Structure formats: C-alpha cells, structure tokens
Amino acid sequence: MYRVMLRMEVTENLHERFERAWLDGAGQIAQEPANVGQWLSRSTDEDGVYYIVSDWVDERSFREYERSERHRHHRARLHPYRTAGSMTTMDVLHATTGRAA
C-alpha cells in the first residue's frame, strides 16, 4: 500500500469552511478505483494545522490520480483556505489492528 500525508496550515477563522470543502471532495476521491481510504485530522499541538492521510493501492495509481483533472479540481477547492503545506509519501510496510478496532 502507498500512503500520502499532507500537512496543511489553514487560515484562521476558515477552519470550518476548510473541513466542509474537504468533506465535499472526499466522496469523489473515495470513488477512485485505487483509493483505499482517507482521513482528515486536526493537530492538537498546532493551531490551524491539519493532516490529510490517504492510502492507495500503489504509487503508480496515486501518481495517475495526482496528474488528473479530478485531482486539480479537488486541490483548487482546498487552496483558498491554506497558507502553507507539505506532502510526504511512503510505502506501508506493516500494519496491525488494535484491540479496540
């Protein structure tokens, strides 16, 4: 599995709008054949910092989506809310499920 983690700094007073914009686009991304899942998290240590994690079948499939018009449209919907951001990609090597799951 291939994991993508975005760190986004969101403009103060626009947090709720950002979250709604992400949710509006999340359903479309979930329809991508290679998308395994995605999560939006808000930092408890840094005000206005969000993390978006998405899992993909493999890197090739993610890169195809990343180059697509669908991705450009989704990214454009989030762009007005962010002041900075970064992306990290990784291969998932091992996974375990905790007892509470």
Protein backbone atom coordinates (compact mmCIF):
# COMPACT_ATOMS: atom_id res chain seq x y z
CA MET A 1 0.00 0.00 0.00
CA TYR A 2 1.13 3.56 -0.74
CA ARG A 3 0.38 6.33 1.77
CA VAL A 4 0.28 10.07 1.18
CA MET A 5 0.32 12.52 4.08
CA LEU A 6 -0.37 16.20 3.57
CA ARG A 7 0.26 18.80 6.24
CA MET A 8 -1.82 21.91 5.74
CA GLU A 9 -1.80 25.18 7.61
CA VAL A 10 -5.26 26.70 7.34
CA THR A 11 -6.14 30.38 7.61
CA GLU A 12 -7.53 31.38 10.98
CA ASN A 13 -11.35 31.66 11.04
CA LEU A 14 -11.64 29.42 7.94
CA HIS A 15 -11.23 26.05 9.66
CA GLU A 16 -14.89 25.02 9.40
CA ARG A 17 -15.05 26.00 5.73
CA PHE A 18 -11.88 24.04 5.02
CA GLU A 19 -13.29 20.96 6.75
CA ARG A 20 -16.53 21.20 4.73
CA ALA A 21 -14.60 21.63 1.48
CA TRP A 22 -12.51 18.56 2.30
CA LEU A 23 -15.61 16.52 3.14
CA ASP A 24 -17.32 17.62 -0.08
CA GLY A 25 -14.39 16.28 -2.11
CA ALA A 26 -13.68 13.19 -0.02
CA GLY A 27 -16.59 11.26 -1.51
CA GLN A 28 -15.26 11.84 -5.01
CA ILE A 29 -11.79 10.64 -4.07
CA ALA A 30 -13.30 7.57 -2.42
CA GLN A 31 -14.72 6.66 -5.86
CA GLU A 32 -11.24 6.44 -7.36
CA PRO A 33 -10.60 2.74 -8.09
CA ALA A 34 -7.17 2.78 -6.44
CA ASN A 35 -8.12 4.73 -3.30
CA VAL A 36 -8.12 2.55 -0.18
CA GLY A 37 -9.18 5.24 2.31
CA GLN A 38 -8.55 8.74 3.59
CA TRP A 39 -8.58 10.64 6.86
CA LEU A 40 -8.69 14.30 7.87
CA SER A 41 -7.16 15.11 11.26
CA ARG A 42 -6.64 18.38 13.12
CA SER A 43 -3.48 18.85 15.17
CA THR A 44 -3.89 19.13 18.92
CA ASP A 45 -0.44 20.72 19.20
CA GLU A 46 -0.54 23.42 16.50
CA ASP A 47 -3.47 25.75 15.87
CA GLY A 48 -4.76 25.63 12.32
CA VAL A 49 -2.71 22.61 11.27
CA TYR A 50 -4.45 19.70 9.55
CA TYR A 51 -3.19 16.37 8.27
CA ILE A 52 -4.75 14.54 5.36
CA VAL A 53 -3.75 10.91 5.02
CA SER A 54 -4.81 8.84 2.04
CA ASP A 55 -3.94 5.27 1.17
CA TRP A 56 -3.64 4.00 -2.38
CA VAL A 57 -3.17 0.57 -3.94
CA ASP A 58 0.26 1.59 -5.25
CA GLU A 59 2.35 4.62 -6.17
CA ARG A 60 1.63 4.37 -9.89
CA SER A 61 -2.11 4.62 -9.28
CA PHE A 62 -1.70 7.58 -6.94
CA ARG A 63 0.53 9.41 -9.44
CA GLU A 64 -2.06 8.86 -12.18
CA TYR A 65 -4.71 10.41 -9.96
CA GLU A 66 -2.34 13.23 -8.96
CA ARG A 67 -1.92 14.20 -12.64
CA SER A 68 -5.66 14.06 -13.35
CA GLU A 69 -8.07 16.94 -13.83
CA ARG A 70 -10.14 15.47 -10.97
CA HIS A 71 -7.23 15.99 -8.59
CA ARG A 72 -6.54 19.50 -9.83
CA HIS A 73 -10.19 20.39 -9.23
CA HIS A 74 -10.15 18.98 -5.67
CA ARG A 75 -6.87 20.72 -4.86
CA ALA A 76 -8.23 24.03 -6.17
CA ARG A 77 -11.21 23.75 -3.80
CA LEU A 78 -8.89 23.50 -0.77
CA HIS A 79 -6.29 26.05 -1.87
CA PRO A 80 -8.15 29.22 -0.75
CA TYR A 81 -8.07 28.03 2.86
CA ARG A 82 -4.42 27.14 3.23
CA THR A 83 -1.44 29.33 3.99
CA ALA A 84 1.23 26.62 3.71
CA GLY A 85 1.56 22.90 3.25
CA SER A 86 3.78 19.96 2.53
CA MET A 87 3.44 16.40 1.25
CA THR A 88 5.15 13.21 2.37
CA THR A 89 4.77 9.85 0.64
CA MET A 90 5.61 6.42 1.97
CA ASP A 91 5.26 2.69 1.43
CA VAL A 92 3.31 0.95 4.19
CA LEU A 93 5.46 -1.96 5.32
CA HIS A 94 3.40 -3.49 8.13
CA ALA A 95 0.02 -2.89 9.71
CA THR A 96 -1.63 -4.23 12.82
CA THR A 97 -5.12 -3.77 14.16
CA GLY A 98 -5.51 -2.81 17.79
CA ARG A 99 -7.85 -4.49 20.22
CA ALA A 100 -10.32 -1.58 20.22
CA ALA A 101 -10.89 -1.90 16.48
